[in-house]
PDB file of all heavy atoms in Angstrom:
ATOM      1  N   VAL A   1     112.415 110.845  99.877  1.00  0.00           N
ATOM      2  CA  VAL A   1     111.887 111.354  98.624  1.00  0.00           C
ATOM      3  C   VAL A   1     110.436 111.768  98.833  1.00  0.00           C
ATOM      4  O   VAL A   1     109.705 111.138  99.610  1.00  0.00           O
ATOM      5  CB  VAL A   1     112.001 110.292  97.500  1.00  0.00           C
ATOM      6  CG1 VAL A   1     111.224 109.033  97.855  1.00  0.00           C
ATOM      7  CG2 VAL A   1     111.540 110.850  96.158  1.00  0.00           C
ATOM      8  N   ILE A   2     110.056 112.846  98.177  1.00  0.00           N
ATOM      9  CA  ILE A   2     108.658 113.242  98.106  1.00  0.00           C
ATOM     10  C   ILE A   2     108.268 113.168  96.637  1.00  0.00           C
ATOM     11  O   ILE A   2     108.845 113.856  95.794  1.00  0.00           O
ATOM     12  CB  ILE A   2     108.435 114.659  98.667  1.00  0.00           C
ATOM     13  CG1 ILE A   2     108.885 114.722 100.127  1.00  0.00           C
ATOM     14  CG2 ILE A   2     106.956 115.053  98.553  1.00  0.00           C
ATOM     15  CD1 ILE A   2     108.748 116.093 100.760  1.00  0.00           C
ATOM     16  N   GLU A   3     107.308 112.322  96.328  1.00  0.00           N
ATOM     17  CA  GLU A   3     106.880 112.101  94.948  1.00  0.00           C
ATOM     18  C   GLU A   3     105.487 112.661  94.719  1.00  0.00           C
ATOM     19  O   GLU A   3     104.729 112.874  95.652  1.00  0.00           O
ATOM     20  CB  GLU A   3     106.889 110.603  94.636  1.00  0.00           C
ATOM     21  CG  GLU A   3     108.237 109.933  94.864  1.00  0.00           C
ATOM     22  CD  GLU A   3     108.149 108.429  94.788  1.00  0.00           C
ATOM     23  OE1 GLU A   3     107.862 107.793  95.814  1.00  0.00           O
ATOM     24  OE2 GLU A   3     108.375 107.883  93.691  1.00  0.00           O
ATOM     25  N   ARG A   4     105.164 112.893  93.464  1.00  0.00           N
ATOM     26  CA  ARG A   4     103.834 113.369  93.058  1.00  0.00           C
ATOM     27  C   ARG A   4     103.513 114.742  93.653  1.00  0.00           C
ATOM     28  O   ARG A   4     102.384 115.022  94.056  1.00  0.00           O
ATOM     29  CB  ARG A   4     102.762 112.339  93.432  1.00  0.00           C
ATOM     30  CG  ARG A   4     102.935 111.006  92.731  1.00  0.00           C
ATOM     31  CD  ARG A   4     101.999 109.944  93.278  1.00  0.00           C
ATOM     32  NE  ARG A   4     100.604 110.286  93.024  1.00  0.00           N
ATOM     33  CZ  ARG A   4      99.941 110.015  91.897  1.00  0.00           C
ATOM     34  NH1 ARG A   4     100.572 109.422  90.907  1.00  0.00           N
ATOM     35  NH2 ARG A   4      98.678 110.338  91.760  1.00  0.00           N
ATOM     36  N   ILE A   5     104.531 115.610  93.708  1.00  0.00           N
ATOM     37  CA  ILE A   5     104.311 116.983  94.173  1.00  0.00           C
ATOM     38  C   ILE A   5     103.341 117.674  93.217  1.00  0.00           C
ATOM     39  O   ILE A   5     103.444 117.553  91.996  1.00  0.00           O
ATOM     40  CB  ILE A   5     105.649 117.750  94.235  1.00  0.00           C
ATOM     41  CG1 ILE A   5     106.547 117.138  95.320  1.00  0.00           C
ATOM     42  CG2 ILE A   5     105.419 119.238  94.529  1.00  0.00           C
ATOM     43  CD1 ILE A   5     107.958 117.706  95.344  1.00  0.00           C
ATOM     44  N   GLY A   6     102.397 118.412  93.775  1.00  0.00           N
ATOM     45  CA  GLY A   6     101.375 119.079  92.984  1.00  0.00           C
ATOM     46  C   GLY A   6     100.072 118.303  92.929  1.00  0.00           C
ATOM     47  O   GLY A   6      99.111 118.735  92.292  1.00  0.00           O
ATOM     48  N   MET A   7     100.035 117.151  93.630  1.00  0.00           N
ATOM     49  CA  MET A   7      98.838 116.304  93.611  1.00  0.00           C
ATOM     50  C   MET A   7      98.323 116.084  95.029  1.00  0.00           C
ATOM     51  O   MET A   7      99.020 116.345  96.017  1.00  0.00           O
ATOM     52  CB  MET A   7      99.138 114.977  92.922  1.00  0.00           C
ATOM     53  CG  MET A   7      99.695 115.159  91.509  1.00  0.00           C
ATOM     54  SD  MET A   7      99.892 113.617  90.598  1.00  0.00           S
ATOM     55  CE  MET A   7      98.186 113.273  90.196  1.00  0.00           C
ATOM     56  N   ASP A   8      97.106 115.582  95.127  1.00  0.00           N
ATOM     57  CA  ASP A   8      96.483 115.343  96.429  1.00  0.00           C
ATOM     58  C   ASP A   8      96.986 114.076  97.107  1.00  0.00           C
ATOM     59  O   ASP A   8      96.700 113.852  98.281  1.00  0.00           O
ATOM     60  CB  ASP A   8      94.964 115.260  96.282  1.00  0.00           C
ATOM     61  CG  ASP A   8      94.332 116.598  95.914  1.00  0.00           C
ATOM     62  OD1 ASP A   8      94.966 117.641  96.210  1.00  0.00           O
ATOM     63  OD2 ASP A   8      93.238 116.601  95.327  1.00  0.00           O
ATOM     64  N   ASP A   9      97.717 113.237  96.358  1.00  0.00           N
ATOM     65  CA  ASP A   9      98.207 111.989  96.934  1.00  0.00           C
ATOM     66  C   ASP A   9      99.735 111.898  96.811  1.00  0.00           C
ATOM     67  O   ASP A   9     100.287 110.877  96.390  1.00  0.00           O
ATOM     68  CB  ASP A   9      97.545 110.781  96.291  1.00  0.00           C
ATOM     69  CG  ASP A   9      97.739 110.745  94.772  1.00  0.00           C
ATOM     70  OD1 ASP A   9      98.200 111.761  94.201  1.00  0.00           O
ATOM     71  OD2 ASP A   9      97.428 109.707  94.154  1.00  0.00           O
ATOM     72  N   ALA A  10     100.404 112.993  97.181  1.00  0.00           N
ATOM     73  CA  ALA A  10     101.864 112.981  97.196  1.00  0.00           C
ATOM     74  C   ALA A  10     102.348 111.950  98.217  1.00  0.00           C
ATOM     75  O   ALA A  10     101.735 111.752  99.265  1.00  0.00           O
ATOM     76  CB  ALA A  10     102.399 114.364  97.545  1.00  0.00           C
ATOM     77  N   ILE A  11     103.451 111.286  97.892  1.00  0.00           N
ATOM     78  CA  ILE A  11     103.984 110.215  98.742  1.00  0.00           C
ATOM     79  C   ILE A  11     105.290 110.671  99.365  1.00  0.00           C
ATOM     80  O   ILE A  11     106.221 111.074  98.663  1.00  0.00           O
ATOM     81  CB  ILE A  11     104.222 108.932  97.924  1.00  0.00           C
ATOM     82  CG1 ILE A  11     102.919 108.476  97.257  1.00  0.00           C
ATOM     83  CG2 ILE A  11     104.789 107.825  98.807  1.00  0.00           C
ATOM     84  CD1 ILE A  11     103.115 107.367  96.241  1.00  0.00           C
ATOM     85  N   VAL A  12     105.365 110.620 100.680  1.00  0.00           N
ATOM     86  CA  VAL A  12     106.559 111.030 101.424  1.00  0.00           C
ATOM     87  C   VAL A  12     107.190 109.796 102.067  1.00  0.00           C
ATOM     88  O   VAL A  12     106.509 109.023 102.738  1.00  0.00           O
ATOM     89  CB  VAL A  12     106.215 112.050 102.526  1.00  0.00           C
ATOM     90  CG1 VAL A  12     107.485 112.482 103.268  1.00  0.00           C
ATOM     91  CG2 VAL A  12     105.484 113.256 101.946  1.00  0.00           C
ATOM     92  N   THR A  13     108.486 109.610 101.844  1.00  0.00           N
ATOM     93  CA  THR A  13     109.223 108.518 102.476  1.00  0.00           C
ATOM     94  C   THR A  13     110.519 109.081 103.043  1.00  0.00           C
ATOM     95  O   THR A  13     111.276 109.740 102.324  1.00  0.00           O
ATOM     96  CB  THR A  13     109.564 107.403 101.469  1.00  0.00           C
ATOM     97  OG1 THR A  13     108.367 106.961 100.819  1.00  0.00           O
ATOM     98  CG2 THR A  13     110.228 106.227 102.163  1.00  0.00           C
ATOM     99  N   ILE A  14     110.776 108.836 104.317  1.00  0.00           N
ATOM    100  CA  ILE A  14     112.017 109.266 104.957  1.00  0.00           C
ATOM    101  C   ILE A  14     112.598 108.071 105.703  1.00  0.00           C
ATOM    102  O   ILE A  14     111.937 107.483 106.564  1.00  0.00           O
ATOM    103  CB  ILE A  14     111.790 110.431 105.941  1.00  0.00           C
ATOM    104  CG1 ILE A  14     111.208 111.654 105.208  1.00  0.00           C
ATOM    105  CG2 ILE A  14     113.108 110.811 106.632  1.00  0.00           C
ATOM    106  CD1 ILE A  14     110.828 112.796 106.141  1.00  0.00           C
ATOM    107  N   LYS A  15     113.817 107.693 105.378  1.00  0.00           N
ATOM    108  CA  LYS A  15     114.518 106.621 106.080  1.00  0.00           C
ATOM    109  C   LYS A  15     115.570 107.255 106.992  1.00  0.00           C
ATOM    110  O   LYS A  15     116.287 108.157 106.578  1.00  0.00           O
ATOM    111  CB  LYS A  15     115.201 105.676 105.088  1.00  0.00           C
ATOM    112  CG  LYS A  15     114.247 104.992 104.120  1.00  0.00           C
ATOM    113  CD  LYS A  15     115.012 104.123 103.136  1.00  0.00           C
ATOM    114  CE  LYS A  15     114.079 103.496 102.110  1.00  0.00           C
ATOM    115  NZ  LYS A  15     114.810 102.659 101.130  1.00  0.00           N
ATOM    116  N   TYR A  16     115.662 106.747 108.221  1.00  0.00           N
ATOM    117  CA  TYR A  16     116.624 107.308 109.162  1.00  0.00           C
ATOM    118  C   TYR A  16     116.978 106.260 110.208  1.00  0.00           C
ATOM    119  O   TYR A  16     116.373 105.184 110.255  1.00  0.00           O
ATOM    120  CB  TYR A  16     116.060 108.560 109.830  1.00  0.00           C
ATOM    121  CG  TYR A  16     114.817 108.342 110.671  1.00  0.00           C
ATOM    122  CD1 TYR A  16     114.880 108.353 112.056  1.00  0.00           C
ATOM    123  CD2 TYR A  16     113.577 108.126 110.070  1.00  0.00           C
ATOM    124  CE1 TYR A  16     113.744 108.160 112.826  1.00  0.00           C
ATOM    125  CE2 TYR A  16     112.434 107.934 110.830  1.00  0.00           C
ATOM    126  CZ  TYR A  16     112.521 107.946 112.214  1.00  0.00           C
ATOM    127  OH  TYR A  16     111.395 107.755 112.964  1.00  0.00           O
ATOM    128  N   GLY A  17     117.975 106.578 111.015  1.00  0.00           N
ATOM    129  CA  GLY A  17     118.425 105.613 112.010  1.00  0.00           C
ATOM    130  C   GLY A  17     119.708 104.947 111.576  1.00  0.00           C
ATOM    131  O   GLY A  17     120.384 105.386 110.635  1.00  0.00           O
ATOM    132  N   ALA A  18     120.075 103.869 112.248  1.00  0.00           N
ATOM    133  CA  ALA A  18     121.354 103.206 112.000  1.00  0.00           C
ATOM    134  C   ALA A  18     121.428 102.625 110.599  1.00  0.00           C
ATOM    135  O   ALA A  18     120.456 102.086 110.072  1.00  0.00           O
ATOM    136  CB  ALA A  18     121.564 102.092 113.029  1.00  0.00           C
ATOM    137  N   ASP A  19     122.628 102.713 110.008  1.00  0.00           N
ATOM    138  CA  ASP A  19     122.891 102.081 108.709  1.00  0.00           C
ATOM    139  C   ASP A  19     121.852 102.453 107.652  1.00  0.00           C
ATOM    140  O   ASP A  19     121.359 101.603 106.911  1.00  0.00           O
ATOM    141  CB  ASP A  19     122.942 100.563 108.840  1.00  0.00           C
ATOM    142  CG  ASP A  19     123.996 100.118 109.842  1.00  0.00           C
ATOM    143  OD1 ASP A  19     125.067 100.738 109.863  1.00  0.00           O
ATOM    144  OD2 ASP A  19     123.740  99.171 110.598  1.00  0.00           O
ATOM    145  N   VAL A  20     121.522 103.741 107.586  1.00  0.00           N
ATOM    146  CA  VAL A  20     120.471 104.190 106.672  1.00  0.00           C
ATOM    147  C   VAL A  20     120.723 103.738 105.250  1.00  0.00           C
ATOM    148  O   VAL A  20     119.845 103.229 104.572  1.00  0.00           O
ATOM    149  CB  VAL A  20     120.343 105.732 106.723  1.00  0.00           C
ATOM    150  CG1 VAL A  20     119.434 106.219 105.612  1.00  0.00           C
ATOM    151  CG2 VAL A  20     119.807 106.161 108.069  1.00  0.00           C
ATOM    152  N   GLN A  21     121.963 103.913 104.787  1.00  0.00           N
ATOM    153  CA  GLN A  21     122.232 103.682 103.378  1.00  0.00           C
ATOM    154  C   GLN A  21     122.049 102.220 102.982  1.00  0.00           C
ATOM    155  O   GLN A  21     121.658 101.921 101.872  1.00  0.00           O
ATOM    156  CB  GLN A  21     123.653 104.128 103.040  1.00  0.00           C
ATOM    157  CG  GLN A  21     123.768 104.662 101.639  1.00  0.00           C
ATOM    158  CD  GLN A  21     124.977 105.555 101.484  1.00  0.00           C
ATOM    159  OE1 GLN A  21     125.734 105.777 102.412  1.00  0.00           O
ATOM    160  NE2 GLN A  21     125.175 106.083 100.301  1.00  0.00           N
ATOM    161  N   GLY A  22     122.305 101.305 103.915  1.00  0.00           N
ATOM    162  CA  GLY A  22     122.205  99.899 103.564  1.00  0.00           C
ATOM    163  C   GLY A  22     120.948  99.224 104.070  1.00  0.00           C
ATOM    164  O   GLY A  22     120.789  98.025 103.923  1.00  0.00           O
ATOM    165  N   GLU A  23     120.046  99.997 104.662  1.00  0.00           N
ATOM    166  CA  GLU A  23     118.868  99.395 105.266  1.00  0.00           C
ATOM    167  C   GLU A  23     117.866  98.883 104.232  1.00  0.00           C
ATOM    168  O   GLU A  23     117.630  99.514 103.216  1.00  0.00           O
ATOM    169  CB  GLU A  23     118.143 100.420 106.142  1.00  0.00           C
ATOM    170  CG  GLU A  23     118.811 100.652 107.491  1.00  0.00           C
ATOM    171  CD  GLU A  23     118.738  99.437 108.387  1.00  0.00           C
ATOM    172  OE1 GLU A  23     117.661  98.858 108.532  1.00  0.00           O
ATOM    173  OE2 GLU A  23     119.777  99.070 108.932  1.00  0.00           O
ATOM    174  N   ARG A  24     117.288  97.720 104.531  1.00  0.00           N
ATOM    175  CA  ARG A  24     116.134  97.244 103.765  1.00  0.00           C
ATOM    176  C   ARG A  24     114.938  97.365 104.693  1.00  0.00           C
ATOM    177  O   ARG A  24     114.783  96.594 105.641  1.00  0.00           O
ATOM    178  CB  ARG A  24     116.334  95.790 103.319  1.00  0.00           C
ATOM    179  CG  ARG A  24     115.192  95.298 102.443  1.00  0.00           C
ATOM    180  CD  ARG A  24     115.485  93.900 101.899  1.00  0.00           C
ATOM    181  NE  ARG A  24     114.415  93.479 101.004  1.00  0.00           N
ATOM    182  CZ  ARG A  24     113.328  92.844 101.409  1.00  0.00           C
ATOM    183  NH1 ARG A  24     113.168  92.583 102.676  1.00  0.00           N
ATOM    184  NH2 ARG A  24     112.399  92.495 100.539  1.00  0.00           N
ATOM    185  N   LEU A  25     114.108  98.357 104.468  1.00  0.00           N
ATOM    186  CA  LEU A  25     113.026  98.673 105.382  1.00  0.00           C
ATOM    187  C   LEU A  25     111.715  98.054 104.912  1.00  0.00           C
ATOM    188  O   LEU A  25     111.487  97.882 103.712  1.00  0.00           O
ATOM    189  CB  LEU A  25     112.894 100.187 105.511  1.00  0.00           C
ATOM    190  CG  LEU A  25     114.140 100.828 106.127  1.00  0.00           C
ATOM    191  CD1 LEU A  25     114.442 102.150 105.463  1.00  0.00           C
ATOM    192  CD2 LEU A  25     113.956 101.017 107.614  1.00  0.00           C
ATOM    193  N   ILE A  26     110.866  97.686 105.879  1.00  0.00           N
ATOM    194  CA  ILE A  26     109.622  97.000 105.537  1.00  0.00           C
ATOM    195  C   ILE A  26     108.431  97.748 106.111  1.00  0.00           C
ATOM    196  O   ILE A  26     108.546  98.519 107.047  1.00  0.00           O
ATOM    197  CB  ILE A  26     109.621  95.548 106.065  1.00  0.00           C
ATOM    198  CG1 ILE A  26     109.824  95.550 107.608  1.00  0.00           C
ATOM    199  CG2 ILE A  26     110.694  94.720 105.390  1.00  0.00           C
ATOM    200  CD1 ILE A  26     109.687  94.189 108.231  1.00  0.00           C
ATOM    201  N   GLY A  27     107.277  97.531 105.540  1.00  0.00           N
ATOM    202  CA  GLY A  27     106.069  98.178 106.041  1.00  0.00           C
ATOM    203  C   GLY A  27     105.036  98.257 104.936  1.00  0.00           C
ATOM    204  O   GLY A  27     105.318  97.997 103.768  1.00  0.00           O
ATOM    205  N   HIS A  28     103.830  98.630 105.299  1.00  0.00           N
ATOM    206  CA  HIS A  28     102.754  98.745 104.318  1.00  0.00           C
ATOM    207  C   HIS A  28     102.093 100.104 104.470  1.00  0.00           C
ATOM    208  O   HIS A  28     101.815 100.536 105.579  1.00  0.00           O
ATOM    209  CB  HIS A  28     101.717  97.644 104.532  1.00  0.00           C
ATOM    210  CG  HIS A  28     100.609  97.680 103.536  1.00  0.00           C
ATOM    211  ND1 HIS A  28     100.823  97.459 102.184  1.00  0.00           N
ATOM    212  CD2 HIS A  28      99.288  97.935 103.676  1.00  0.00           C
ATOM    213  CE1 HIS A  28      99.660  97.558 101.547  1.00  0.00           C
ATOM    214  NE2 HIS A  28      98.718  97.851 102.426  1.00  0.00           N
ATOM    215  N   LEU A  29     101.876 100.797 103.374  1.00  0.00           N
ATOM    216  CA  LEU A  29     101.369 102.161 103.404  1.00  0.00           C
ATOM    217  C   LEU A  29      99.974 102.229 102.816  1.00  0.00           C
ATOM    218  O   LEU A  29      99.733 101.785 101.697  1.00  0.00           O
ATOM    219  CB  LEU A  29     102.295 103.083 102.597  1.00  0.00           C
ATOM    220  CG  LEU A  29     101.894 104.550 102.511  1.00  0.00           C
ATOM    221  CD1 LEU A  29     101.925 105.193 103.884  1.00  0.00           C
ATOM    222  CD2 LEU A  29     102.826 105.297 101.572  1.00  0.00           C
TER     223      LEU A  29
END
């Protein structure tokens, strides 16, 4: 998903790799 289109702080998130649909991904942005 790309959120806040039209702004200077749009947020892009792309999940990929094995078991994408069921993945619980972690990290800090």
